[in-house]
PDB file of all heavy atoms in Angstrom:
ATOM      1  N   GLU A   1      -3.958  32.287  36.746  1.00  0.00           N
ATOM      2  CA  GLU A   1      -3.083  33.170  37.531  1.00  0.00           C
ATOM      3  C   GLU A   1      -3.123  34.615  37.028  1.00  0.00           C
ATOM      4  O   GLU A   1      -2.471  35.490  37.592  1.00  0.00           O
ATOM      5  CB  GLU A   1      -1.640  32.657  37.484  1.00  0.00           C
ATOM      6  CG  GLU A   1      -1.440  31.292  38.104  1.00  0.00           C
ATOM      7  CD  GLU A   1      -1.546  31.319  39.618  1.00  0.00           C
ATOM      8  OE1 GLU A   1      -1.147  32.336  40.224  1.00  0.00           O
ATOM      9  OE2 GLU A   1      -2.044  30.331  40.181  1.00  0.00           O
ATOM     10  N   GLY A   2      -3.849  34.850  35.932  1.00  0.00           N
ATOM     11  CA  GLY A   2      -3.940  36.198  35.375  1.00  0.00           C
ATOM     12  C   GLY A   2      -2.713  36.618  34.590  1.00  0.00           C
ATOM     13  O   GLY A   2      -2.494  37.816  34.368  1.00  0.00           O
ATOM     14  N   LEU A   3      -1.913  35.648  34.137  1.00  0.00           N
ATOM     15  CA  LEU A   3      -0.656  35.965  33.463  1.00  0.00           C
ATOM     16  C   LEU A   3      -0.780  36.003  31.950  1.00  0.00           C
ATOM     17  O   LEU A   3       0.079  36.572  31.271  1.00  0.00           O
ATOM     18  CB  LEU A   3       0.420  34.963  33.886  1.00  0.00           C
ATOM     19  CG  LEU A   3       0.699  34.941  35.393  1.00  0.00           C
ATOM     20  CD1 LEU A   3       1.636  33.799  35.745  1.00  0.00           C
ATOM     21  CD2 LEU A   3       1.246  36.269  35.865  1.00  0.00           C
ATOM     22  N   VAL A   4      -1.828  35.373  31.404  1.00  0.00           N
ATOM     23  CA  VAL A   4      -2.110  35.436  29.975  1.00  0.00           C
ATOM     24  C   VAL A   4      -3.600  35.703  29.796  1.00  0.00           C
ATOM     25  O   VAL A   4      -4.397  35.486  30.694  1.00  0.00           O
ATOM     26  CB  VAL A   4      -1.734  34.135  29.212  1.00  0.00           C
ATOM     27  CG1 VAL A   4      -0.246  33.852  29.289  1.00  0.00           C
ATOM     28  CG2 VAL A   4      -2.549  32.948  29.679  1.00  0.00           C
ATOM     29  N   THR A   5      -3.923  36.176  28.612  1.00  0.00           N
ATOM     30  CA  THR A   5      -5.331  36.336  28.244  1.00  0.00           C
ATOM     31  C   THR A   5      -5.576  35.529  26.982  1.00  0.00           C
ATOM     32  O   THR A   5      -4.688  35.372  26.150  1.00  0.00           O
ATOM     33  CB  THR A   5      -5.698  37.814  27.994  1.00  0.00           C
ATOM     34  OG1 THR A   5      -4.853  38.322  26.957  1.00  0.00           O
ATOM     35  CG2 THR A   5      -5.511  38.640  29.254  1.00  0.00           C
ATOM     36  N   ARG A   6      -6.806  35.034  26.890  1.00  0.00           N
ATOM     37  CA  ARG A   6      -7.234  34.319  25.687  1.00  0.00           C
ATOM     38  C   ARG A   6      -8.370  35.114  25.062  1.00  0.00           C
ATOM     39  O   ARG A   6      -9.292  35.534  25.751  1.00  0.00           O
ATOM     40  CB  ARG A   6      -7.762  32.931  26.038  1.00  0.00           C
ATOM     41  CG  ARG A   6      -6.713  31.883  26.088  1.00  0.00           C
ATOM     42  CD  ARG A   6      -7.324  30.521  25.965  1.00  0.00           C
ATOM     43  NE  ARG A   6      -7.381  29.859  27.255  1.00  0.00           N
ATOM     44  CZ  ARG A   6      -7.516  28.553  27.391  1.00  0.00           C
ATOM     45  NH1 ARG A   6      -7.652  27.782  26.336  1.00  0.00           N
ATOM     46  NH2 ARG A   6      -7.544  28.019  28.566  1.00  0.00           N
ATOM     47  N   THR A   7      -8.275  35.318  23.771  1.00  0.00           N
ATOM     48  CA  THR A   7      -9.335  35.983  23.022  1.00  0.00           C
ATOM     49  C   THR A   7      -9.673  35.138  21.811  1.00  0.00           C
ATOM     50  O   THR A   7      -8.850  34.344  21.348  1.00  0.00           O
ATOM     51  CB  THR A   7      -8.899  37.392  22.559  1.00  0.00           C
ATOM     52  OG1 THR A   7      -7.708  37.263  21.768  1.00  0.00           O
ATOM     53  CG2 THR A   7      -8.633  38.317  23.735  1.00  0.00           C
ATOM     54  N   ALA A   8     -10.873  35.313  21.315  1.00  0.00           N
ATOM     55  CA  ALA A   8     -11.285  34.563  20.127  1.00  0.00           C
ATOM     56  C   ALA A   8     -10.445  34.998  18.936  1.00  0.00           C
ATOM     57  O   ALA A   8     -10.173  36.191  18.753  1.00  0.00           O
ATOM     58  CB  ALA A   8     -12.765  34.790  19.849  1.00  0.00           C
ATOM     59  N   ASP A   9     -10.046  34.030  18.133  1.00  0.00           N
ATOM     60  CA  ASP A   9      -9.305  34.307  16.908  1.00  0.00           C
ATOM     61  C   ASP A   9     -10.287  34.889  15.893  1.00  0.00           C
ATOM     62  O   ASP A   9     -11.257  34.228  15.532  1.00  0.00           O
ATOM     63  CB  ASP A   9      -8.690  33.013  16.379  1.00  0.00           C
ATOM     64  CG  ASP A   9      -7.802  33.216  15.163  1.00  0.00           C
ATOM     65  OD1 ASP A   9      -7.912  34.270  14.502  1.00  0.00           O
ATOM     66  OD2 ASP A   9      -7.008  32.303  14.872  1.00  0.00           O
ATOM     67  N   PRO A  10     -10.061  36.117  15.428  1.00  0.00           N
ATOM     68  CA  PRO A  10     -11.014  36.722  14.494  1.00  0.00           C
ATOM     69  C   PRO A  10     -11.106  35.974  13.164  1.00  0.00           C
ATOM     70  O   PRO A  10     -12.117  36.054  12.483  1.00  0.00           O
ATOM     71  CB  PRO A  10     -10.482  38.137  14.289  1.00  0.00           C
ATOM     72  CG  PRO A  10      -9.094  38.140  14.799  1.00  0.00           C
ATOM     73  CD  PRO A  10      -8.962  36.998  15.754  1.00  0.00           C
ATOM     74  N   GLU A  11     -10.079  35.210  12.815  1.00  0.00           N
ATOM     75  CA  GLU A  11     -10.088  34.452  11.567  1.00  0.00           C
ATOM     76  C   GLU A  11     -10.742  33.084  11.723  1.00  0.00           C
ATOM     77  O   GLU A  11     -11.182  32.492  10.745  1.00  0.00           O
ATOM     78  CB  GLU A  11      -8.664  34.300  11.033  1.00  0.00           C
ATOM     79  CG  GLU A  11      -8.051  35.635  10.640  1.00  0.00           C
ATOM     80  CD  GLU A  11      -6.618  35.488  10.154  1.00  0.00           C
ATOM     81  OE1 GLU A  11      -6.223  34.368   9.788  1.00  0.00           O
ATOM     82  OE2 GLU A  11      -5.910  36.501  10.139  1.00  0.00           O
ATOM     83  N   ASP A  12     -10.767  32.566  12.952  1.00  0.00           N
ATOM     84  CA  ASP A  12     -11.372  31.257  13.217  1.00  0.00           C
ATOM     85  C   ASP A  12     -11.938  31.296  14.630  1.00  0.00           C
ATOM     86  O   ASP A  12     -11.218  31.065  15.591  1.00  0.00           O
ATOM     87  CB  ASP A  12     -10.323  30.149  13.065  1.00  0.00           C
ATOM     88  CG  ASP A  12     -10.885  28.763  13.315  1.00  0.00           C
ATOM     89  OD1 ASP A  12     -12.098  28.634  13.639  1.00  0.00           O
ATOM     90  OD2 ASP A  12     -10.120  27.790  13.181  1.00  0.00           O
ATOM     91  N   ARG A  13     -13.197  31.591  14.763  1.00  0.00           N
ATOM     92  CA  ARG A  13     -13.831  31.786  16.070  1.00  0.00           C
ATOM     93  C   ARG A  13     -13.768  30.523  16.932  1.00  0.00           C
ATOM     94  O   ARG A  13     -14.018  30.593  18.133  1.00  0.00           O
ATOM     95  CB  ARG A  13     -15.285  32.228  15.903  1.00  0.00           C
ATOM     96  CG  ARG A  13     -15.492  33.443  15.022  1.00  0.00           C
ATOM     97  CD  ARG A  13     -15.187  34.777  15.534  1.00  0.00           C
ATOM     98  NE  ARG A  13     -15.939  35.352  16.603  1.00  0.00           N
ATOM     99  CZ  ARG A  13     -15.425  36.320  17.347  1.00  0.00           C
ATOM    100  NH1 ARG A  13     -14.209  36.736  17.129  1.00  0.00           N
ATOM    101  NH2 ARG A  13     -16.125  36.854  18.295  1.00  0.00           N
ATOM    102  N   ARG A  14     -13.445  29.370  16.348  1.00  0.00           N
ATOM    103  CA  ARG A  14     -13.316  28.145  17.142  1.00  0.00           C
ATOM    104  C   ARG A  14     -11.987  28.119  17.891  1.00  0.00           C
ATOM    105  O   ARG A  14     -11.827  27.351  18.834  1.00  0.00           O
ATOM    106  CB  ARG A  14     -13.424  26.909  16.241  1.00  0.00           C
ATOM    107  CG  ARG A  14     -14.785  26.768  15.569  1.00  0.00           C
ATOM    108  CD  ARG A  14     -14.739  25.698  14.507  1.00  0.00           C
ATOM    109  NE  ARG A  14     -13.811  26.141  13.460  1.00  0.00           N
ATOM    110  CZ  ARG A  14     -13.243  25.362  12.567  1.00  0.00           C
ATOM    111  NH1 ARG A  14     -13.490  24.074  12.557  1.00  0.00           N
ATOM    112  NH2 ARG A  14     -12.421  25.846  11.653  1.00  0.00           N
ATOM    113  N   SER A  15     -11.046  28.917  17.463  1.00  0.00           N
ATOM    114  CA  SER A  15      -9.719  28.978  18.091  1.00  0.00           C
ATOM    115  C   SER A  15      -9.615  30.209  18.968  1.00  0.00           C
ATOM    116  O   SER A  15     -10.357  31.173  18.804  1.00  0.00           O
ATOM    117  CB  SER A  15      -8.629  29.075  17.022  1.00  0.00           C
ATOM    118  OG  SER A  15      -8.399  27.848  16.425  1.00  0.00           O
ATOM    119  N   SER A  16      -8.653  30.157  19.864  1.00  0.00           N
ATOM    120  CA  SER A  16      -8.382  31.336  20.676  1.00  0.00           C
ATOM    121  C   SER A  16      -6.918  31.729  20.516  1.00  0.00           C
ATOM    122  O   SER A  16      -6.076  30.919  20.145  1.00  0.00           O
ATOM    123  CB  SER A  16      -8.710  31.077  22.152  1.00  0.00           C
ATOM    124  OG  SER A  16      -7.970  29.991  22.646  1.00  0.00           O
ATOM    125  N   LEU A  17      -6.672  32.996  20.782  1.00  0.00           N
ATOM    126  CA  LEU A  17      -5.325  33.548  20.723  1.00  0.00           C
ATOM    127  C   LEU A  17      -4.856  33.838  22.146  1.00  0.00           C
ATOM    128  O   LEU A  17      -5.624  34.337  22.968  1.00  0.00           O
ATOM    129  CB  LEU A  17      -5.304  34.831  19.889  1.00  0.00           C
ATOM    130  CG  LEU A  17      -5.689  34.664  18.421  1.00  0.00           C
ATOM    131  CD1 LEU A  17      -5.783  36.036  17.752  1.00  0.00           C
ATOM    132  CD2 LEU A  17      -4.678  33.783  17.695  1.00  0.00           C
ATOM    133  N   VAL A  18      -3.608  33.538  22.400  1.00  0.00           N
ATOM    134  CA  VAL A  18      -3.027  33.723  23.730  1.00  0.00           C
ATOM    135  C   VAL A  18      -1.972  34.814  23.657  1.00  0.00           C
ATOM    136  O   VAL A  18      -1.138  34.835  22.745  1.00  0.00           O
ATOM    137  CB  VAL A  18      -2.372  32.408  24.227  1.00  0.00           C
ATOM    138  CG1 VAL A  18      -1.717  32.610  25.583  1.00  0.00           C
ATOM    139  CG2 VAL A  18      -3.384  31.287  24.264  1.00  0.00           C
ATOM    140  N   THR A  19      -2.017  35.712  24.625  1.00  0.00           N
ATOM    141  CA  THR A  19      -0.984  36.739  24.756  1.00  0.00           C
ATOM    142  C   THR A  19      -0.740  36.981  26.237  1.00  0.00           C
ATOM    143  O   THR A  19      -1.581  36.666  27.078  1.00  0.00           O
ATOM    144  CB  THR A  19      -1.389  38.040  24.032  1.00  0.00           C
ATOM    145  OG1 THR A  19      -0.266  38.909  23.995  1.00  0.00           O
ATOM    146  CG2 THR A  19      -2.546  38.732  24.716  1.00  0.00           C
ATOM    147  N   SER A  20       0.402  37.520  26.574  1.00  0.00           N
ATOM    148  CA  SER A  20       0.696  37.788  27.981  1.00  0.00           C
ATOM    149  C   SER A  20      -0.098  39.005  28.442  1.00  0.00           C
ATOM    150  O   SER A  20      -0.343  39.935  27.672  1.00  0.00           O
ATOM    151  CB  SER A  20       2.194  38.007  28.192  1.00  0.00           C
ATOM    152  OG  SER A  20       2.636  39.121  27.472  1.00  0.00           O
ATOM    153  N   SER A  21      -0.482  38.977  29.699  1.00  0.00           N
ATOM    154  CA  SER A  21      -1.179  40.114  30.301  1.00  0.00           C
ATOM    155  C   SER A  21      -0.139  41.064  30.890  1.00  0.00           C
ATOM    156  O   SER A  21       1.060  40.767  30.915  1.00  0.00           O
ATOM    157  CB  SER A  21      -2.110  39.619  31.408  1.00  0.00           C
ATOM    158  OG  SER A  21      -1.341  39.088  32.481  1.00  0.00           O
ATOM    159  N   GLU A  22      -0.610  42.172  31.389  1.00  0.00           N
ATOM    160  CA  GLU A  22       0.303  43.116  32.062  1.00  0.00           C
ATOM    161  C   GLU A  22       0.989  42.423  33.239  1.00  0.00           C
ATOM    162  O   GLU A  22       2.196  42.585  33.444  1.00  0.00           O
ATOM    163  CB  GLU A  22      -0.456  44.360  32.522  1.00  0.00           C
ATOM    164  CG  GLU A  22       0.430  45.436  33.103  1.00  0.00           C
ATOM    165  CD  GLU A  22       1.460  45.980  32.115  1.00  0.00           C
ATOM    166  OE1 GLU A  22       1.143  46.108  30.920  1.00  0.00           O
ATOM    167  OE2 GLU A  22       2.597  46.275  32.547  1.00  0.00           O
ATOM    168  N   ALA A  23       0.233  41.635  34.006  1.00  0.00           N
ATOM    169  CA  ALA A  23       0.821  40.899  35.132  1.00  0.00           C
ATOM    170  C   ALA A  23       1.860  39.896  34.639  1.00  0.00           C
ATOM    171  O   ALA A  23       2.903  39.703  35.279  1.00  0.00           O
ATOM    172  CB  ALA A  23      -0.270  40.181  35.926  1.00  0.00           C
ATOM    173  N   GLY A  24       1.593  39.264  33.509  1.00  0.00           N
ATOM    174  CA  GLY A  24       2.552  38.324  32.935  1.00  0.00           C
ATOM    175  C   GLY A  24       3.829  39.009  32.510  1.00  0.00           C
ATOM    176  O   GLY A  24       4.934  38.518  32.770  1.00  0.00           O
ATOM    177  N   ARG A  25       3.691  40.160  31.855  1.00  0.00           N
ATOM    178  CA  ARG A  25       4.873  40.911  31.424  1.00  0.00           C
ATOM    179  C   ARG A  25       5.676  41.385  32.639  1.00  0.00           C
ATOM    180  O   ARG A  25       6.913  41.344  32.633  1.00  0.00           O
ATOM    181  CB  ARG A  25       4.471  42.086  30.547  1.00  0.00           C
ATOM    182  CG  ARG A  25       4.022  41.651  29.156  1.00  0.00           C
ATOM    183  CD  ARG A  25       3.773  42.828  28.228  1.00  0.00           C
ATOM    184  NE  ARG A  25       2.590  43.594  28.585  1.00  0.00           N
ATOM    185  CZ  ARG A  25       1.333  43.243  28.294  1.00  0.00           C
ATOM    186  NH1 ARG A  25       1.089  42.134  27.643  1.00  0.00           N
ATOM    187  NH2 ARG A  25       0.324  44.008  28.659  1.00  0.00           N
ATOM    188  N   THR A  26       4.997  41.800  33.682  1.00  0.00           N
ATOM    189  CA  THR A  26       5.672  42.236  34.909  1.00  0.00           C
ATOM    190  C   THR A  26       6.444  41.075  35.536  1.00  0.00           C
ATOM    191  O   THR A  26       7.593  41.242  35.968  1.00  0.00           O
ATOM    192  CB  THR A  26       4.652  42.808  35.911  1.00  0.00           C
ATOM    193  OG1 THR A  26       4.004  43.935  35.313  1.00  0.00           O
ATOM    194  CG2 THR A  26       5.303  43.224  37.212  1.00  0.00           C
ATOM    195  N   LEU A  27       5.821  39.891  35.568  1.00  0.00           N
ATOM    196  CA  LEU A  27       6.488  38.717  36.132  1.00  0.00           C
ATOM    197  C   LEU A  27       7.721  38.341  35.310  1.00  0.00           C
ATOM    198  O   LEU A  27       8.782  38.043  35.872  1.00  0.00           O
ATOM    199  CB  LEU A  27       5.523  37.531  36.194  1.00  0.00           C
ATOM    200  CG  LEU A  27       6.117  36.236  36.743  1.00  0.00           C
ATOM    201  CD1 LEU A  27       6.411  36.373  38.231  1.00  0.00           C
ATOM    202  CD2 LEU A  27       5.181  35.084  36.483  1.00  0.00           C
ATOM    203  N   ILE A  28       7.594  38.358  34.001  1.00  0.00           N
ATOM    204  CA  ILE A  28       8.731  38.036  33.133  1.00  0.00           C
ATOM    205  C   ILE A  28       9.881  39.009  33.389  1.00  0.00           C
ATOM    206  O   ILE A  28      11.037  38.605  33.534  1.00  0.00           O
ATOM    207  CB  ILE A  28       8.318  38.060  31.646  1.00  0.00           C
ATOM    208  CG1 ILE A  28       7.384  36.890  31.333  1.00  0.00           C
ATOM    209  CG2 ILE A  28       9.536  38.014  30.733  1.00  0.00           C
ATOM    210  CD1 ILE A  28       6.683  37.025  29.996  1.00  0.00           C
ATOM    211  N   GLU A  29       9.564  40.288  33.431  1.00  0.00           N
ATOM    212  CA  GLU A  29      10.611  41.295  33.644  1.00  0.00           C
ATOM    213  C   GLU A  29      11.275  41.121  35.013  1.00  0.00           C
ATOM    214  O   GLU A  29      12.501  41.217  35.127  1.00  0.00           O
ATOM    215  CB  GLU A  29      10.039  42.703  33.491  1.00  0.00           C
ATOM    216  CG  GLU A  29      11.078  43.797  33.561  1.00  0.00           C
ATOM    217  CD  GLU A  29      12.205  43.646  32.542  1.00  0.00           C
ATOM    218  OE1 GLU A  29      11.936  43.221  31.399  1.00  0.00           O
ATOM    219  OE2 GLU A  29      13.375  43.938  32.889  1.00  0.00           O
ATOM    220  N   ALA A  30      10.487  40.862  36.049  1.00  0.00           N
ATOM    221  CA  ALA A  30      11.051  40.663  37.385  1.00  0.00           C
ATOM    222  C   ALA A  30      11.948  39.429  37.412  1.00  0.00           C
ATOM    223  O   ALA A  30      13.028  39.439  38.027  1.00  0.00           O
ATOM    224  CB  ALA A  30       9.927  40.529  38.415  1.00  0.00           C
ATOM    225  N   THR A  31      11.530  38.377  36.738  1.00  0.00           N
ATOM    226  CA  THR A  31      12.323  37.150  36.681  1.00  0.00           C
ATOM    227  C   THR A  31      13.639  37.397  35.956  1.00  0.00           C
ATOM    228  O   THR A  31      14.708  36.989  36.420  1.00  0.00           O
ATOM    229  CB  THR A  31      11.519  36.033  35.985  1.00  0.00           C
ATOM    230  OG1 THR A  31      10.328  35.791  36.736  1.00  0.00           O
ATOM    231  CG2 THR A  31      12.308  34.754  35.881  1.00  0.00           C
ATOM    232  N   ARG A  32      13.567  38.086  34.825  1.00  0.00           N
ATOM    233  CA  ARG A  32      14.795  38.394  34.080  1.00  0.00           C
ATOM    234  C   ARG A  32      15.730  39.273  34.907  1.00  0.00           C
ATOM    235  O   ARG A  32      16.948  39.069  34.903  1.00  0.00           O
ATOM    236  CB  ARG A  32      14.448  39.085  32.766  1.00  0.00           C
ATOM    237  CG  ARG A  32      13.853  38.153  31.752  1.00  0.00           C
ATOM    238  CD  ARG A  32      13.489  38.877  30.474  1.00  0.00           C
ATOM    239  NE  ARG A  32      12.879  37.941  29.531  1.00  0.00           N
ATOM    240  CZ  ARG A  32      11.986  38.271  28.626  1.00  0.00           C
ATOM    241  NH1 ARG A  32      11.593  39.526  28.501  1.00  0.00           N
ATOM    242  NH2 ARG A  32      11.487  37.366  27.818  1.00  0.00           N
ATOM    243  N   THR A  33      15.168  40.240  35.601  1.00  0.00           N
ATOM    244  CA  THR A  33      15.980  41.136  36.429  1.00  0.00           C
ATOM    245  C   THR A  33      16.701  40.354  37.524  1.00  0.00           C
ATOM    246  O   THR A  33      17.891  40.567  37.767  1.00  0.00           O
ATOM    247  CB  THR A  33      15.101  42.247  37.036  1.00  0.00           C
ATOM    248  OG1 THR A  33      14.531  43.007  35.964  1.00  0.00           O
ATOM    249  CG2 THR A  33      15.894  43.157  37.952  1.00  0.00           C
ATOM    250  N   ARG A  34      15.980  39.427  38.195  1.00  0.00           N
ATOM    251  CA  ARG A  34      16.610  38.610  39.239  1.00  0.00           C
ATOM    252  C   ARG A  34      17.732  37.756  38.668  1.00  0.00           C
ATOM    253  O   ARG A  34      18.820  37.672  39.246  1.00  0.00           O
ATOM    254  CB  ARG A  34      15.567  37.685  39.884  1.00  0.00           C
ATOM    255  CG  ARG A  34      15.015  38.164  41.195  1.00  0.00           C
ATOM    256  CD  ARG A  34      14.207  37.110  41.927  1.00  0.00           C
ATOM    257  NE  ARG A  34      13.188  36.456  41.116  1.00  0.00           N
ATOM    258  CZ  ARG A  34      12.003  36.979  40.805  1.00  0.00           C
ATOM    259  NH1 ARG A  34      11.694  38.196  41.224  1.00  0.00           N
ATOM    260  NH2 ARG A  34      11.139  36.299  40.091  1.00  0.00           N
ATOM    261  N   LYS A  35      17.485  37.118  37.523  1.00  0.00           N
ATOM    262  CA  LYS A  35      18.497  36.270  36.918  1.00  0.00           C
ATOM    263  C   LYS A  35      19.707  37.080  36.479  1.00  0.00           C
ATOM    264  O   LYS A  35      20.859  36.670  36.689  1.00  0.00           O
ATOM    265  CB  LYS A  35      17.911  35.509  35.725  1.00  0.00           C
ATOM    266  CG  LYS A  35      16.908  34.436  36.118  1.00  0.00           C
ATOM    267  CD  LYS A  35      16.315  33.792  34.885  1.00  0.00           C
ATOM    268  CE  LYS A  35      15.329  32.708  35.223  1.00  0.00           C
ATOM    269  NZ  LYS A  35      14.811  32.026  34.022  1.00  0.00           N
ATOM    270  N   ASP A  36      19.467  38.242  35.873  1.00  0.00           N
ATOM    271  CA  ASP A  36      20.573  39.099  35.440  1.00  0.00           C
ATOM    272  C   ASP A  36      21.387  39.588  36.635  1.00  0.00           C
ATOM    273  O   ASP A  36      22.622  39.646  36.572  1.00  0.00           O
ATOM    274  CB  ASP A  36      20.063  40.295  34.632  1.00  0.00           C
ATOM    275  CG  ASP A  36      19.588  39.910  33.239  1.00  0.00           C
ATOM    276  OD1 ASP A  36      19.803  38.752  32.819  1.00  0.00           O
ATOM    277  OD2 ASP A  36      18.986  40.779  32.579  1.00  0.00           O
ATOM    278  N   ALA A  37      20.714  39.931  37.726  1.00  0.00           N
ATOM    279  CA  ALA A  37      21.420  40.399  38.925  1.00  0.00           C
ATOM    280  C   ALA A  37      22.288  39.280  39.496  1.00  0.00           C
ATOM    281  O   ALA A  37      23.437  39.521  39.906  1.00  0.00           O
ATOM    282  CB  ALA A  37      20.426  40.892  39.968  1.00  0.00           C
ATOM    283  N   TRP A  38      21.752  38.065  39.525  1.00  0.00           N
ATOM    284  CA  TRP A  38      22.536  36.936  40.029  1.00  0.00           C
ATOM    285  C   TRP A  38      23.768  36.721  39.156  1.00  0.00           C
ATOM    286  O   TRP A  38      24.881  36.583  39.667  1.00  0.00           O
ATOM    287  CB  TRP A  38      21.673  35.669  40.077  1.00  0.00           C
ATOM    288  CG  TRP A  38      22.431  34.484  40.571  1.00  0.00           C
ATOM    289  CD1 TRP A  38      22.673  34.148  41.866  1.00  0.00           C
ATOM    290  CD2 TRP A  38      23.080  33.490  39.772  1.00  0.00           C
ATOM    291  NE1 TRP A  38      23.431  32.997  41.920  1.00  0.00           N
ATOM    292  CE2 TRP A  38      23.686  32.577  40.648  1.00  0.00           C
ATOM    293  CE3 TRP A  38      23.185  33.275  38.400  1.00  0.00           C
ATOM    294  CZ2 TRP A  38      24.404  31.469  40.201  1.00  0.00           C
ATOM    295  CZ3 TRP A  38      23.904  32.175  37.955  1.00  0.00           C
ATOM    296  CH2 TRP A  38      24.502  31.290  38.847  1.00  0.00           C
ATOM    297  N   LEU A  39      23.563  36.727  37.836  1.00  0.00           N
ATOM    298  CA  LEU A  39      24.693  36.546  36.923  1.00  0.00           C
ATOM    299  C   LEU A  39      25.707  37.679  37.060  1.00  0.00           C
ATOM    300  O   LEU A  39      26.916  37.441  37.081  1.00  0.00           O
ATOM    301  CB  LEU A  39      24.206  36.482  35.477  1.00  0.00           C
ATOM    302  CG  LEU A  39      23.875  35.119  34.914  1.00  0.00           C
ATOM    303  CD1 LEU A  39      23.305  35.254  33.504  1.00  0.00           C
ATOM    304  CD2 LEU A  39      25.070  34.202  34.903  1.00  0.00           C
ATOM    305  N   ALA A  40      25.226  38.904  37.154  1.00  0.00           N
ATOM    306  CA  ALA A  40      26.124  40.054  37.279  1.00  0.00           C
ATOM    307  C   ALA A  40      26.972  39.945  38.539  1.00  0.00           C
ATOM    308  O   ALA A  40      28.176  40.249  38.509  1.00  0.00           O
ATOM    309  CB  ALA A  40      25.323  41.357  37.280  1.00  0.00           C
ATOM    310  N   SER A  41      26.385  39.481  39.623  1.00  0.00           N
ATOM    311  CA  SER A  41      27.168  39.337  40.860  1.00  0.00           C
ATOM    312  C   SER A  41      28.219  38.247  40.709  1.00  0.00           C
ATOM    313  O   SER A  41      29.330  38.375  41.233  1.00  0.00           O
ATOM    314  CB  SER A  41      26.261  39.051  42.056  1.00  0.00           C
ATOM    315  OG  SER A  41      25.728  37.747  41.986  1.00  0.00           O
TER     316      SER A  41
END
């Protein structure tokens, strides 16, 4: 879905590291905003 990226772990090339992408961060923020707005109302 383009929400996380995987990169090779520089300490162990057999493993990968996962981090959120810009699209993932945008989705998280939008989700939090919707939930906060619902709670605030």
